[in-house]
Amino acid sequence: MPEKDYRQFKSDITIADLYPGLSPEQQAEAEYRLLRYLAVVRDIFEQITLEDPELLTELERRAMLRRKRNNPCAS
């Protein structure tokens, strides 16, 4: 399945936009699981920020280098 460019949307992207083939119950479950996942990611970020901010800086540096390596023309 080709990737969609969701930048075209002028409003928020919904679970129904992402998974139009799911039933309303399945969409609700997917939304619940996504929100739980994002809460875990936020908690990890906050923990790293408090305990080891230098690690966060290093991870950001690595991500920037990886983006440059994967897309050298974007620099």
C-alpha atoms as a PDB file:
ATOM      1  CA  MET A   1       0.000   0.000   0.000  1.00  0.00           C
ATOM      2  CA  PRO A   2       1.522   3.362  -0.982  1.00  0.00           C
ATOM      3  CA  GLU A   3       2.106   5.932   1.728  1.00  0.00           C
ATOM      4  CA  LYS A   4      -0.354   8.813   1.892  1.00  0.00           C
ATOM      5  CA  ASP A   5       0.778  12.390   2.282  1.00  0.00           C
ATOM      6  CA  TYR A   6      -1.281  13.522   5.258  1.00  0.00           C
ATOM      7  CA  ARG A   7       0.053  17.105   5.015  1.00  0.00           C
ATOM      8  CA  GLN A   8      -2.833  17.736   2.609  1.00  0.00           C
ATOM      9  CA  PHE A   9      -5.338  17.623   5.468  1.00  0.00           C
ATOM     10  CA  LYS A  10      -6.370  20.998   6.806  1.00  0.00           C
ATOM     11  CA  SER A  11      -7.869  19.499   9.977  1.00  0.00           C
ATOM     12  CA  ASP A  12      -6.783  16.855  12.446  1.00  0.00           C
ATOM     13  CA  ILE A  13      -6.217  13.349  11.110  1.00  0.00           C
ATOM     14  CA  THR A  14      -8.582  10.840  12.674  1.00  0.00           C
ATOM     15  CA  ILE A  15      -8.267   7.110  13.183  1.00  0.00           C
ATOM     16  CA  ALA A  16     -10.947   6.750  10.498  1.00  0.00           C
ATOM     17  CA  ASP A  17      -8.621   8.598   8.089  1.00  0.00           C
ATOM     18  CA  LEU A  18      -5.797   6.223   8.936  1.00  0.00           C
ATOM     19  CA  TYR A  19      -7.854   3.023   8.990  1.00  0.00           C
ATOM     20  CA  PRO A  20     -11.004   3.533   6.918  1.00  0.00           C
ATOM     21  CA  GLY A  21     -11.680  -0.217   6.664  1.00  0.00           C
ATOM     22  CA  LEU A  22     -12.110  -0.726  10.400  1.00  0.00           C
ATOM     23  CA  SER A  23     -15.485  -0.890  12.103  1.00  0.00           C
ATOM     24  CA  PRO A  24     -16.313   1.896  14.583  1.00  0.00           C
ATOM     25  CA  GLU A  25     -15.508  -0.488  17.444  1.00  0.00           C
ATOM     26  CA  GLN A  26     -12.144  -1.370  15.900  1.00  0.00           C
ATOM     27  CA  GLN A  27     -11.397   2.315  15.314  1.00  0.00           C
ATOM     28  CA  ALA A  28     -12.178   3.053  18.973  1.00  0.00           C
ATOM     29  CA  GLU A  29      -9.837   0.252  20.050  1.00  0.00           C
ATOM     30  CA  ALA A  30      -7.099   1.523  17.705  1.00  0.00           C
ATOM     31  CA  GLU A  31      -7.491   5.053  19.054  1.00  0.00           C
ATOM     32  CA  TYR A  32      -7.337   3.800  22.649  1.00  0.00           C
ATOM     33  CA  ARG A  33      -4.173   1.801  21.930  1.00  0.00           C
ATOM     34  CA  LEU A  34      -2.540   4.731  20.105  1.00  0.00           C
ATOM     35  CA  LEU A  35      -3.278   7.087  23.000  1.00  0.00           C
ATOM     36  CA  ARG A  36      -1.847   4.558  25.490  1.00  0.00           C
ATOM     37  CA  TYR A  37       1.274   4.195  23.335  1.00  0.00           C
ATOM     38  CA  LEU A  38       1.713   7.975  23.141  1.00  0.00           C
ATOM     39  CA  ALA A  39       1.318   8.229  26.920  1.00  0.00           C
ATOM     40  CA  VAL A  40       4.127   5.700  27.380  1.00  0.00           C
ATOM     41  CA  VAL A  41       6.362   7.577  24.926  1.00  0.00           C
ATOM     42  CA  ARG A  42       5.635  10.840  26.764  1.00  0.00           C
ATOM     43  CA  ASP A  43       6.440   9.218  30.120  1.00  0.00           C
ATOM     44  CA  ILE A  44       9.762   7.892  28.771  1.00  0.00           C
ATOM     45  CA  PHE A  45      10.612  11.328  27.359  1.00  0.00           C
ATOM     46  CA  GLU A  46       9.797  13.034  30.664  1.00  0.00           C
ATOM     47  CA  GLN A  47      11.839  10.478  32.617  1.00  0.00           C
ATOM     48  CA  ILE A  48      14.874  10.963  30.367  1.00  0.00           C
ATOM     49  CA  THR A  49      14.467  14.747  30.556  1.00  0.00           C
ATOM     50  CA  LEU A  50      14.553  14.640  34.343  1.00  0.00           C
ATOM     51  CA  GLU A  51      17.190  11.971  34.893  1.00  0.00           C
ATOM     52  CA  ASP A  52      19.608  12.376  31.989  1.00  0.00           C
ATOM     53  CA  PRO A  53      19.070  15.445  29.780  1.00  0.00           C
ATOM     54  CA  GLU A  54      22.457  14.841  28.122  1.00  0.00           C
ATOM     55  CA  LEU A  55      21.132  11.531  26.805  1.00  0.00           C
ATOM     56  CA  LEU A  56      18.224  13.365  25.201  1.00  0.00           C
ATOM     57  CA  THR A  57      20.646  15.766  23.526  1.00  0.00           C
ATOM     58  CA  GLU A  58      22.692  12.821  22.237  1.00  0.00           C
ATOM     59  CA  LEU A  59      19.586  11.066  20.887  1.00  0.00           C
ATOM     60  CA  GLU A  60      18.523  14.260  19.097  1.00  0.00           C
ATOM     61  CA  ARG A  61      22.006  14.606  17.590  1.00  0.00           C
ATOM     62  CA  ARG A  62      21.941  11.002  16.363  1.00  0.00           C
ATOM     63  CA  ALA A  63      18.482  11.436  14.853  1.00  0.00           C
ATOM     64  CA  MET A  64      19.627  14.560  13.001  1.00  0.00           C
ATOM     65  CA  LEU A  65      22.686  12.752  11.643  1.00  0.00           C
ATOM     66  CA  ARG A  66      20.527   9.807  10.559  1.00  0.00           C
ATOM     67  CA  ARG A  67      18.134  12.144   8.721  1.00  0.00           C
ATOM     68  CA  LYS A  68      21.044  13.829   6.942  1.00  0.00           C
ATOM     69  CA  ARG A  69      22.522  10.463   5.975  1.00  0.00           C
ATOM     70  CA  ASN A  70      19.179   9.174   4.673  1.00  0.00           C
ATOM     71  CA  ASN A  71      18.304  12.381   2.815  1.00  0.00           C
ATOM     72  CA  PRO A  72      21.528  14.188   1.842  1.00  0.00           C
ATOM     73  CA  CYS A  73      19.781  16.564  -0.595  1.00  0.00           C
ATOM     74  CA  ALA A  74      17.551  18.048   2.124  1.00  0.00           C
ATOM     75  CA  SER A  75      20.444  19.868   3.838  1.00  0.00           C
END
